[in-house]
């Protein structure tokens, strides 16, 4: 997953959690606020009804002209009286006034209220479950009771407070055993709450919409800003890293003048590249010096055999000259010895030329050459003075190719020279084979020497690793050979032979030279 996707998801998650907490707190706060407002409304209505009841009680009830729908209360003593004009009047006590006002209020959708008691005179005023629980709480000392009920999907708030017996109440309730200050019951006020919860739901949906819109806007903003300020510049830096060091970036280097984290990263990368290029130049110089030093070391190892090969013709030539000086008057002898002198000079010239070829610089210069001839020259040079070693050449390239000729010359001299040292003083055979397959030169150099310790097979190409005695080797020959082959795009492997000795295998890609 990309960094920008992780960042957007993380920030969206943080926003969701933050909005979720805010949503929960706001929704709870709304509900508590609405419930508190409805409770205040219920208390106001309760007090209004209580004062109305008090007013009715203080005036010993209300009397109305008896008519259809205005009947007398059978639970009241002297529920009917007749005035001086002969009209029958019916009495309304506080309980009946409360009940009739509740009917009018319910008709207008303003809620309901009623008076109840654990010992009701009228069975119609018997308490329901909420009222009974509340009356029991009042008996235990509670001053009010509040509950939210949901009945058939409708919400309502129920508020109930106790009604105490005062002096005016004793005229009707003393027969029930109440004393002044006793709780004779309670009045319940029911306020509809559907409107409140509808507003809460509407607000919740509005908050949810705001949260979703905020998440989308913030995520989109982060996406655009991240692409502009981070992703685009990081991609440019990544492309620069991928193309380095094959291409120059003088005209397309990432901007290092912006003083932010990515600008600083660009600056440090450029400084790193500069240091790398400087180190690479120093390494190239050091590697070239190592190549030349190893050439000189290889030449030094060949001096003994080569000096013998040069001294032999020189000795013969010296004898020829002395004989010619003593027999100046014999033209036939002079002519025969001149031929021998010419053969000796040619032999010395050939040996010196081989040495010069080994000492050439620029080992990775790609040019045309005869690989088979290079192998012959290097094998003969490395084995000079080693009469006990037979060279078996099986060379099948047999054409001019284009590759690092001088590099291969140095590698073959190193490998054949190592084979000579591995054979030592005993009779031995060095077999060198070459062939061309799929535009790749394949060369194998096999000897019947002592072979390589299996524990050393994975270390022999490391610089300065050697199993020879001190002064007998630099430990760089195989390392340099490995480096040269790799730089030519090829590979070099080594393995021990089953019958003794070891075999080095070379594979080097080439170009077919035009004839």
Protein backbone atom coordinates (compact mmCIF):
# COMPACT_ATOMS: atom_id res chain seq x y z
CA UNK A 1 0.00 0.00 0.00
CA UNK A 2 1.33 3.43 -0.94
CA UNK A 3 2.28 5.95 1.71
CA UNK A 4 -0.40 8.44 0.62
CA UNK A 5 -3.10 5.74 0.93
CA UNK A 6 -1.86 4.87 4.42
CA UNK A 7 -1.78 8.56 5.38
CA UNK A 8 -5.30 9.22 4.06
CA UNK A 9 -6.67 6.10 5.76
CA UNK A 10 -4.98 7.01 9.04
CA UNK A 11 -6.23 10.60 9.01
CA UNK A 12 -9.72 9.45 7.96
CA UNK A 13 -9.68 6.97 10.84
CA UNK A 14 -8.64 9.72 13.26
CA UNK A 15 -11.40 12.00 11.92
CA UNK A 16 -13.95 9.17 12.16
CA UNK A 17 -12.98 8.40 15.74
CA UNK A 18 -12.96 12.10 16.62
CA UNK A 19 -16.33 12.70 14.96
CA UNK A 20 -17.70 9.52 16.49
CA UNK A 21 -16.82 10.75 19.97
CA UNK A 22 -18.15 14.23 19.14
CA UNK A 23 -21.29 12.72 17.60
CA UNK A 24 -21.92 10.56 20.66
CA UNK A 25 -21.31 13.43 23.09
CA UNK A 26 -23.41 15.86 21.05
CA UNK A 27 -26.27 13.40 20.66
CA UNK A 28 -26.21 12.64 24.39
CA UNK A 29 -26.01 16.35 25.19
CA UNK A 30 -28.97 17.07 22.87
CA UNK A 31 -31.05 14.35 24.44
CA UNK A 32 -30.18 15.48 27.97
CA UNK A 33 -30.92 19.09 27.04
CA UNK A 34 -34.28 18.20 25.46
CA UNK A 35 -35.20 16.00 28.40
CA UNK A 36 -34.23 18.78 30.78
CA UNK A 37 -36.35 21.31 28.86
CA UNK A 38 -39.28 18.89 28.76
CA UNK A 39 -38.84 18.29 32.49
CA UNK A 40 -38.94 22.03 33.14
CA UNK A 41 -42.08 22.25 31.04
CA UNK A 42 -43.62 19.37 32.98
CA UNK A 43 -42.69 21.03 36.28
CA UNK A 44 -44.23 24.32 35.16
CA UNK A 45 -47.39 22.51 34.14
CA UNK A 46 -47.35 20.59 37.40
CA UNK A 47 -47.09 23.81 39.41
CA UNK A 48 -49.81 25.47 37.36
CA UNK A 49 -52.16 22.56 37.98
CA UNK A 50 -51.13 22.45 41.62
CA UNK A 51 -51.91 26.14 42.03
CA UNK A 52 -55.21 25.64 40.23
CA UNK A 53 -56.04 22.82 42.58
CA UNK A 54 -54.98 24.97 45.51
CA UNK A 55 -57.26 27.76 44.30
CA UNK A 56 -60.17 25.33 43.95
CA UNK A 57 -59.47 23.90 47.39
CA UNK A 58 -59.21 27.35 48.99
CA UNK A 59 -62.67 28.18 47.60
CA UNK A 60 -64.18 24.89 48.81
CA UNK A 61 -64.60 23.65 45.25
CA UNK A 62 -66.41 24.98 42.21
CA UNK A 63 -70.14 24.73 41.48
CA UNK A 64 -71.62 24.43 38.02
CA UNK A 65 -75.20 24.37 36.85
CA UNK A 66 -76.19 20.76 36.39
CA UNK A 67 -76.65 19.90 32.73
CA UNK A 68 -76.06 16.99 30.36
CA UNK A 69 -72.36 16.22 30.55
CA UNK A 70 -72.07 18.10 33.85
CA UNK A 71 -73.08 15.42 36.32
CA UNK A 72 -72.62 15.24 40.06
CA UNK A 73 -69.71 13.37 41.67
CA UNK A 74 -71.01 10.32 43.53
CA UNK A 75 -67.89 10.20 45.70
CA UNK A 76 -68.54 13.61 47.26
CA UNK A 77 -70.79 14.40 50.17
CA UNK A 78 -73.20 17.17 49.26
CA UNK A 79 -72.20 16.77 45.62
CA UNK A 80 -75.37 18.72 44.63
CA UNK A 81 -77.02 21.86 46.03
CA UNK A 82 -79.95 24.01 44.97
CA UNK A 83 -79.73 27.75 44.83
CA UNK A 84 -82.40 30.24 45.83
CA UNK A 85 -83.72 30.30 42.28
CA UNK A 86 -84.25 26.55 42.23
CA UNK A 87 -81.24 25.64 40.01
CA UNK A 88 -79.34 22.48 40.86
CA UNK A 89 -75.59 23.01 41.09
CA UNK A 90 -72.97 20.22 41.04
CA UNK A 91 -69.71 20.49 42.95
CA UNK A 92 -66.23 20.07 41.41
CA UNK A 93 -63.40 19.27 43.80
CA UNK A 94 -59.65 19.63 42.89
CA UNK A 95 -59.42 16.01 41.66
CA UNK A 96 -62.32 16.42 39.23
CA UNK A 97 -61.03 19.79 38.01
CA UNK A 98 -57.63 18.18 37.39
CA UNK A 99 -59.17 15.30 35.43
CA UNK A 100 -61.38 17.52 33.30
CA UNK A 101 -58.51 19.96 32.55
CA UNK A 102 -56.40 16.94 31.49
CA UNK A 103 -59.06 15.98 28.95
CA UNK A 104 -58.94 19.49 27.46
CA UNK A 105 -55.11 19.49 27.40
CA UNK A 106 -54.93 16.06 25.71
CA UNK A 107 -57.42 17.25 23.12
CA UNK A 108 -55.03 20.11 22.23
CA UNK A 109 -51.98 17.81 22.21
CA UNK A 110 -50.44 19.55 25.23
CA UNK A 111 -49.99 16.47 27.36
CA UNK A 112 -51.93 14.85 30.16
CA UNK A 113 -52.04 14.99 33.92
CA UNK A 114 -53.88 13.15 36.61
CA UNK A 115 -53.94 12.59 40.35
CA UNK A 116 -53.55 9.14 41.83
CA UNK A 117 -52.95 7.43 45.14
CA UNK A 118 -52.09 4.09 46.57
CA UNK A 119 -55.51 4.29 48.30
CA UNK A 120 -57.73 5.91 45.63
CA UNK A 121 -61.33 6.75 46.45
CA UNK A 122 -62.29 6.44 42.79
CA UNK A 123 -60.99 3.24 41.15
CA UNK A 124 -60.53 5.19 37.91
CA UNK A 125 -57.69 7.00 39.62
CA UNK A 126 -55.76 3.79 40.39
CA UNK A 127 -52.02 4.15 39.67
CA UNK A 128 -50.26 2.49 36.74
CA UNK A 129 -46.83 0.88 37.07
CA UNK A 130 -44.87 4.17 36.79
CA UNK A 131 -47.18 5.94 39.23
CA UNK A 132 -47.02 3.07 41.71
CA UNK A 133 -43.18 3.02 41.61
CA UNK A 134 -43.14 6.78 42.07
CA UNK A 135 -45.56 6.72 45.01
CA UNK A 136 -43.43 4.06 46.68
CA UNK A 137 -40.34 6.26 46.16
CA UNK A 138 -42.21 9.23 47.67
CA UNK A 139 -43.01 7.14 50.71
CA UNK A 140 -39.27 6.44 50.97
CA UNK A 141 -38.43 10.15 50.85
CA UNK A 142 -38.08 10.99 47.13
CA UNK A 143 -39.31 14.42 46.09
CA UNK A 144 -39.98 13.68 42.37
CA UNK A 145 -39.82 10.96 39.71
CA UNK A 146 -38.95 11.31 36.02
CA UNK A 147 -39.00 8.67 33.28
CA UNK A 148 -38.93 8.54 29.45
CA UNK A 149 -41.35 5.97 28.06
CA UNK A 150 -41.66 4.58 24.52
CA UNK A 151 -45.05 3.10 23.75
CA UNK A 152 -45.79 1.88 20.20
CA UNK A 153 -43.01 4.05 18.82
CA UNK A 154 -44.16 7.19 20.64
CA UNK A 155 -41.94 8.90 23.20
CA UNK A 156 -43.28 10.72 26.24
CA UNK A 157 -41.84 12.18 29.43
CA UNK A 158 -43.57 11.41 32.68
CA UNK A 159 -43.07 13.65 35.69
CA UNK A 160 -44.61 12.99 39.06
CA UNK A 161 -44.36 14.77 42.42
CA UNK A 162 -46.13 14.06 45.72
CA UNK A 163 -49.27 15.90 46.96
CA UNK A 164 -49.35 16.57 50.69
CA UNK A 165 -52.38 17.07 52.90
CA UNK A 166 -52.90 20.69 53.98
CA UNK A 167 -55.60 22.26 56.12
CA UNK A 168 -58.11 22.59 53.27
CA UNK A 169 -57.67 18.95 52.30
CA UNK A 170 -58.67 17.61 55.69
CA UNK A 171 -62.31 18.44 55.12
CA UNK A 172 -62.47 15.67 52.52
CA UNK A 173 -59.61 13.34 53.42
CA UNK A 174 -59.65 13.20 57.21
CA UNK A 175 -62.03 10.27 57.05
CA UNK A 176 -59.36 8.32 55.09
CA UNK A 177 -56.97 8.57 58.01
CA UNK A 178 -54.69 11.29 56.61
CA UNK A 179 -53.09 13.83 58.89
CA UNK A 180 -51.77 17.29 58.13
CA UNK A 181 -48.56 16.99 56.02
CA UNK A 182 -49.11 13.36 54.98
CA UNK A 183 -48.61 12.31 51.35
CA UNK A 184 -52.08 11.54 50.16
CA UNK A 185 -50.93 10.73 46.59
CA UNK A 186 -49.19 12.32 43.66
CA UNK A 187 -49.88 14.17 40.48
CA UNK A 188 -48.48 12.80 37.22
CA UNK A 189 -47.76 15.03 34.23
CA UNK A 190 -47.19 13.39 30.86
CA UNK A 191 -45.52 15.46 28.09
CA UNK A 192 -45.31 14.12 24.48
CA UNK A 193 -41.68 13.89 23.23
CA UNK A 194 -42.00 12.76 19.59
CA UNK A 195 -41.23 16.28 18.35
CA UNK A 196 -38.06 16.38 20.48
CA UNK A 197 -36.71 13.05 19.26
CA UNK A 198 -37.56 13.98 15.69
CA UNK A 199 -35.38 17.08 16.08
CA UNK A 200 -32.63 14.98 17.70
CA UNK A 201 -32.69 12.54 14.77
CA UNK A 202 -32.62 15.42 12.28
CA UNK A 203 -29.64 16.96 14.07
CA UNK A 204 -27.89 13.59 14.19
CA UNK A 205 -28.32 13.13 10.43
CA UNK A 206 -27.04 16.66 9.88
CA UNK A 207 -23.97 15.94 12.03
CA UNK A 208 -23.40 12.66 10.17
CA UNK A 209 -23.59 14.49 6.83
CA UNK A 210 -21.15 17.12 8.05
CA UNK A 211 -18.79 14.37 9.25
CA UNK A 212 -18.90 12.53 5.91
CA UNK A 213 -18.42 15.76 3.96
CA UNK A 214 -15.51 16.73 6.21
CA UNK A 215 -13.85 13.33 5.78
CA UNK A 216 -14.23 13.52 1.99
CA UNK A 217 -12.98 17.12 1.77
CA UNK A 218 -10.06 16.51 4.15
CA UNK A 219 -9.10 13.24 2.41
CA UNK A 220 -9.25 14.87 -1.03
CA UNK A 221 -7.25 17.85 0.20
CA UNK A 222 -4.62 15.58 1.77
CA UNK A 223 -4.49 13.51 -1.43
CA UNK A 224 -3.93 16.57 -3.63
CA UNK A 225 -1.47 18.23 -1.24
CA UNK A 226 0.43 14.96 -0.70
CA UNK A 227 0.69 14.42 -4.44
CA UNK A 228 1.84 17.99 -5.01
CA UNK A 229 4.20 18.41 -2.07
CA UNK A 230 5.42 14.87 -1.38
CA UNK A 231 4.55 12.10 -3.86
CA UNK A 232 5.46 14.00 -7.03
CA UNK A 233 8.81 15.09 -5.64
CA UNK A 234 9.56 11.66 -4.20
CA UNK A 235 8.78 10.06 -7.58
CA UNK A 236 11.12 12.51 -9.26
CA UNK A 237 13.83 11.65 -6.73
CA UNK A 238 13.14 7.91 -7.20
CA UNK A 239 13.44 8.28 -11.01
CA UNK A 240 16.71 10.12 -10.50
CA UNK A 241 17.98 7.32 -8.23
CA UNK A 242 16.93 4.66 -10.77
CA UNK A 243 18.71 6.42 -13.65
CA UNK A 244 21.86 7.18 -11.69
CA UNK A 245 24.72 6.80 -12.58
CA UNK A 246 24.02 5.87 -16.21
CA UNK A 247 22.61 9.32 -17.11
CA UNK A 248 23.63 12.86 -16.30
CA UNK A 249 21.20 14.98 -14.27
CA UNK A 250 22.69 18.41 -14.64
CA UNK A 251 19.48 19.65 -16.30
CA UNK A 252 16.95 17.44 -14.50
CA UNK A 253 18.25 17.21 -10.95
CA UNK A 254 15.53 17.48 -8.23
CA UNK A 255 15.20 20.95 -6.72
CA UNK A 256 17.49 21.23 -3.70
CA UNK A 257 16.68 24.86 -2.94
CA UNK A 258 13.36 24.12 -1.20
CA UNK A 259 14.25 24.02 2.48
CA UNK A 260 11.91 21.27 3.62
CA UNK A 261 12.43 17.59 4.46
CA UNK A 262 12.31 16.41 0.84
CA UNK A 263 14.49 19.31 -0.30
CA UNK A 264 17.04 18.34 2.36
CA UNK A 265 16.78 14.70 1.22
CA UNK A 266 17.43 15.77 -2.40
CA UNK A 267 20.41 17.81 -1.25
CA UNK A 268 21.86 14.92 0.74
CA UNK A 269 21.32 12.53 -2.17
CA UNK A 270 23.18 14.87 -4.50
CA UNK A 271 26.01 15.17 -2.00
CA UNK A 272 26.04 11.37 -1.71
CA UNK A 273 26.24 11.05 -5.49
CA UNK A 274 29.11 13.54 -5.59
CA UNK A 275 30.95 11.57 -2.91
CA UNK A 276 30.20 8.35 -4.73
CA UNK A 277 31.57 9.69 -8.01
CA UNK A 278 34.70 10.90 -6.26
CA UNK A 279 35.11 7.53 -4.52
CA UNK A 280 34.45 5.72 -7.80
CA UNK A 281 37.17 7.70 -9.53
CA UNK A 282 39.59 6.93 -6.72
CA UNK A 283 38.55 3.28 -6.81
CA UNK A 284 39.06 3.11 -10.58
CA UNK A 285 42.53 4.56 -10.19
CA UNK A 286 43.32 2.15 -7.36
CA UNK A 287 41.92 -0.79 -9.33
CA UNK A 288 43.95 0.12 -12.38
CA UNK A 289 47.01 0.33 -10.19
CA UNK A 290 46.20 -3.10 -8.74
CA UNK A 291 45.87 -4.50 -12.28
CA UNK A 292 49.24 -3.11 -13.23
CA UNK A 293 50.83 -4.33 -9.99
CA UNK A 294 49.44 -7.79 -10.56
CA UNK A 295 50.81 -7.73 -14.10
CA UNK A 296 54.22 -6.86 -12.72
CA UNK A 297 53.88 -9.64 -10.14
CA UNK A 298 52.95 -12.09 -12.89
CA UNK A 299 55.91 -10.95 -14.93
CA UNK A 300 58.16 -11.42 -11.91
CA UNK A 301 56.94 -14.99 -11.49
CA UNK A 302 57.78 -15.66 -15.15
CA UNK A 303 61.31 -14.18 -15.00
CA UNK A 304 63.00 -17.42 -13.99
CA UNK A 305 61.61 -19.46 -16.87
CA UNK A 306 61.89 -16.65 -19.40
CA UNK A 307 65.52 -15.87 -18.47
CA UNK A 308 66.38 -19.52 -19.16
CA UNK A 309 64.63 -19.34 -22.55
CA UNK A 310 66.56 -16.16 -23.44
CA UNK A 311 69.92 -17.34 -22.09
CA UNK A 312 69.84 -20.52 -24.20
CA UNK A 313 69.68 -18.73 -27.59
CA UNK A 314 72.04 -16.04 -26.33
CA UNK A 315 74.62 -18.67 -25.40
CA UNK A 316 74.30 -20.29 -28.81
CA UNK A 317 74.55 -16.93 -30.53
CA UNK A 318 77.68 -16.12 -28.55
CA UNK A 319 79.27 -19.39 -29.64
CA UNK A 320 78.34 -18.65 -33.25
CA UNK A 321 79.97 -15.21 -33.08
CA UNK A 322 83.16 -16.62 -31.53
CA UNK A 323 83.39 -19.31 -34.18
CA UNK A 324 82.76 -16.79 -36.95
CA UNK A 325 85.51 -14.56 -35.58
CA UNK A 326 87.97 -17.43 -35.64
CA UNK A 327 87.02 -18.52 -39.18
CA UNK A 328 86.68 -15.29 -41.06
CA UNK A 329 88.08 -16.90 -44.18
CA UNK A 330 85.29 -19.53 -44.48
CA UNK A 331 82.27 -17.92 -46.21
CA UNK A 332 80.17 -21.08 -46.06
CA UNK A 333 80.63 -21.29 -42.28
CA UNK A 334 79.87 -17.61 -41.93
CA UNK A 335 76.63 -18.03 -43.92
CA UNK A 336 75.47 -21.03 -41.89
CA UNK A 337 76.15 -19.27 -38.57
CA UNK A 338 74.37 -16.12 -39.72
CA UNK A 339 71.22 -18.22 -40.21
CA UNK A 340 71.60 -19.59 -36.68
CA UNK A 341 72.07 -16.05 -35.33
CA UNK A 342 68.90 -14.92 -37.10
CA UNK A 343 66.92 -17.84 -35.59
CA UNK A 344 68.19 -16.96 -32.09
CA UNK A 345 67.28 -13.28 -32.51
CA UNK A 346 63.80 -14.22 -33.74
CA UNK A 347 63.29 -16.50 -30.77
CA UNK A 348 64.33 -13.76 -28.32
CA UNK A 349 62.18 -11.22 -30.14
CA UNK A 350 59.14 -13.48 -29.86
CA UNK A 351 59.67 -13.95 -26.13
CA UNK A 352 60.13 -10.21 -25.53
CA UNK A 353 57.00 -9.45 -27.58
CA UNK A 354 54.98 -11.83 -25.43
CA UNK A 355 56.23 -10.01 -22.35
CA UNK A 356 55.26 -6.66 -23.84
CA UNK A 357 51.78 -7.97 -24.60
CA UNK A 358 51.34 -9.01 -20.99
CA UNK A 359 52.47 -5.57 -19.76
CA UNK A 360 50.02 -3.52 -21.84
CA UNK A 361 47.67 -1.11 -20.10
CA UNK A 362 43.92 -0.61 -20.70
CA UNK A 363 42.95 -4.25 -20.09
CA UNK A 364 39.25 -3.53 -20.80
CA UNK A 365 39.84 -2.01 -24.23
CA UNK A 366 37.46 -3.80 -26.61
CA UNK A 367 39.07 -4.64 -29.95
CA UNK A 368 39.35 -7.37 -32.56
CA UNK A 369 41.64 -10.29 -31.88
CA UNK A 370 42.36 -13.98 -32.34
CA UNK A 371 41.50 -15.61 -29.03
CA UNK A 372 43.09 -18.92 -29.97
CA UNK A 373 46.39 -17.19 -30.76
CA UNK A 374 46.23 -15.26 -27.47
CA UNK A 375 45.74 -18.54 -25.60
CA UNK A 376 48.73 -20.12 -27.38
CA UNK A 377 51.03 -17.18 -26.59
CA UNK A 378 49.97 -16.92 -22.94
CA UNK A 379 50.22 -20.68 -22.36
CA UNK A 380 53.68 -20.89 -23.89
CA UNK A 381 54.85 -17.84 -21.94
CA UNK A 382 53.51 -19.09 -18.59
CA UNK A 383 55.11 -22.51 -19.13
CA UNK A 384 58.54 -21.34 -20.32
CA UNK A 385 61.30 -23.28 -18.63
CA UNK A 386 58.84 -25.93 -17.38
CA UNK A 387 60.03 -28.92 -19.44
CA UNK A 388 58.16 -31.35 -17.19
CA UNK A 389 54.74 -29.80 -17.98
CA UNK A 390 52.90 -30.66 -21.16
CA UNK A 391 50.46 -28.16 -22.69
CA UNK A 392 47.38 -29.67 -24.34
CA UNK A 393 45.62 -27.01 -26.43
CA UNK A 394 42.16 -27.77 -27.85
CA UNK A 395 41.26 -24.44 -29.44
CA UNK A 396 38.11 -24.28 -31.58
CA UNK A 397 37.12 -20.61 -31.77
CA UNK A 398 39.07 -20.30 -35.03
CA UNK A 399 37.91 -16.78 -35.97
CA UNK A 400 38.45 -13.11 -35.16
CA UNK A 401 36.15 -11.77 -32.42
CA UNK A 402 35.63 -8.45 -30.64
CA UNK A 403 36.09 -8.42 -26.86
CA UNK A 404 38.51 -7.33 -24.12
CA UNK A 405 41.52 -9.10 -25.66
CA UNK A 406 44.10 -7.71 -23.23
CA UNK A 407 41.92 -8.47 -20.24
CA UNK A 408 41.60 -12.09 -21.36
CA UNK A 409 45.37 -12.21 -21.97
CA UNK A 410 46.01 -11.20 -18.35
CA UNK A 411 43.42 -13.65 -17.00
CA UNK A 412 44.83 -16.61 -18.98
CA UNK A 413 48.39 -15.83 -17.88
CA UNK A 414 47.21 -15.73 -14.23
CA UNK A 415 45.24 -18.99 -14.47
CA UNK A 416 47.90 -20.94 -16.41
CA UNK A 417 50.58 -19.56 -14.07
CA UNK A 418 48.55 -20.79 -11.07
CA UNK A 419 48.24 -24.21 -12.75
CA UNK A 420 52.02 -24.35 -13.20
CA UNK A 421 52.51 -23.56 -9.50
CA UNK A 422 49.86 -26.15 -8.51
CA UNK A 423 51.68 -28.89 -10.49
CA UNK A 424 55.04 -27.97 -8.95
CA UNK A 425 58.07 -30.09 -9.82
CA UNK A 426 56.17 -33.23 -10.80
CA UNK A 427 55.25 -34.14 -14.35
CA UNK A 428 51.93 -32.66 -15.28
CA UNK A 429 49.50 -31.65 -17.99
CA UNK A 430 47.70 -28.36 -18.46
CA UNK A 431 44.74 -28.60 -20.83
CA UNK A 432 43.27 -25.41 -22.30
CA UNK A 433 40.07 -25.67 -24.36
CA UNK A 434 38.16 -22.96 -26.17
CA UNK A 435 34.98 -22.81 -28.23
CA UNK A 436 32.36 -20.33 -29.37
CA UNK A 437 28.71 -20.91 -28.48
CA UNK A 438 25.82 -18.42 -28.73
CA UNK A 439 28.21 -15.46 -29.17
CA UNK A 440 29.97 -16.45 -25.96
CA UNK A 441 33.59 -17.55 -25.64
CA UNK A 442 33.91 -20.59 -23.37
CA UNK A 443 37.40 -21.34 -22.06
CA UNK A 444 38.39 -24.09 -19.61
CA UNK A 445 41.83 -24.43 -18.02
CA UNK A 446 42.41 -27.78 -16.32
CA UNK A 447 45.47 -29.10 -14.50
CA UNK A 448 46.36 -32.32 -12.68
CA UNK A 449 47.94 -30.60 -9.71
CA UNK A 450 47.03 -30.85 -6.03
CA UNK A 451 43.65 -29.15 -6.42
CA UNK A 452 42.02 -26.65 -4.03
CA UNK A 453 40.92 -27.28 -0.47
CA UNK A 454 37.07 -27.50 -0.59
CA UNK A 455 36.90 -25.07 2.33
CA UNK A 456 38.72 -22.48 0.20
CA UNK A 457 36.61 -22.75 -2.98
CA UNK A 458 34.27 -19.90 -1.98
CA UNK A 459 37.17 -17.65 -0.90
CA UNK A 460 39.75 -17.87 -3.66
CA UNK A 461 38.37 -14.86 -5.54
CA UNK A 462 38.59 -12.62 -2.47
CA UNK A 463 41.36 -9.98 -2.55
CA UNK A 464 44.61 -10.95 -0.78
CA UNK A 465 43.42 -14.50 -0.11
CA UNK A 466 46.26 -16.95 -0.82
CA UNK A 467 47.41 -20.36 0.35
CA UNK A 468 50.97 -19.85 -0.92
CA UNK A 469 53.95 -19.21 1.28
CA UNK A 470 54.88 -15.65 2.20
CA UNK A 471 56.55 -13.98 -0.78
CA UNK A 472 55.23 -16.60 -3.23
CA UNK A 473 52.09 -14.69 -4.19
CA UNK A 474 50.18 -11.42 -3.71
CA UNK A 475 46.71 -12.92 -3.26
CA UNK A 476 45.39 -10.60 -6.01
CA UNK A 477 45.73 -12.72 -9.16
CA UNK A 478 42.37 -14.52 -8.95
CA UNK A 479 40.63 -11.43 -7.52
CA UNK A 480 41.84 -9.31 -10.45
CA UNK A 481 40.87 -12.06 -12.91
CA UNK A 482 37.39 -12.31 -11.36
CA UNK A 483 36.96 -8.52 -11.54
CA UNK A 484 38.09 -8.36 -15.19
CA UNK A 485 35.71 -11.14 -16.27
CA UNK A 486 32.79 -9.54 -14.43
CA UNK A 487 33.51 -6.16 -16.03
CA UNK A 488 33.43 -7.87 -19.43
CA UNK A 489 29.94 -9.16 -18.55
CA UNK A 490 31.07 -12.75 -18.16
CA UNK A 491 31.50 -15.24 -15.36
CA UNK A 492 34.30 -17.36 -13.92
CA UNK A 493 33.87 -20.58 -11.93
CA UNK A 494 36.19 -23.11 -10.34
CA UNK A 495 35.78 -26.73 -9.27
CA UNK A 496 37.99 -29.63 -8.30
CA UNK A 497 38.36 -32.47 -10.77
CA UNK A 498 37.47 -36.00 -9.70
CA UNK A 499 40.90 -37.34 -10.71
CA UNK A 500 42.84 -34.54 -9.02
CA UNK A 501 43.63 -30.97 -9.93
CA UNK A 502 41.07 -28.25 -10.63
CA UNK A 503 39.28 -26.66 -13.55
CA UNK A 504 38.60 -22.95 -14.16
CA UNK A 505 35.70 -22.16 -16.53
CA UNK A 506 35.33 -18.80 -18.27
CA UNK A 507 32.33 -17.46 -20.21
CA UNK A 508 32.71 -14.08 -21.92
CA UNK A 509 30.20 -12.50 -24.35
CA UNK A 510 31.74 -11.24 -27.59
CA UNK A 511 30.92 -9.45 -30.82
CA UNK A 512 31.69 -11.19 -34.10
CA UNK A 513 34.31 -9.09 -35.87
CA UNK A 514 33.66 -8.07 -39.47
CA UNK A 515 35.96 -9.73 -41.97
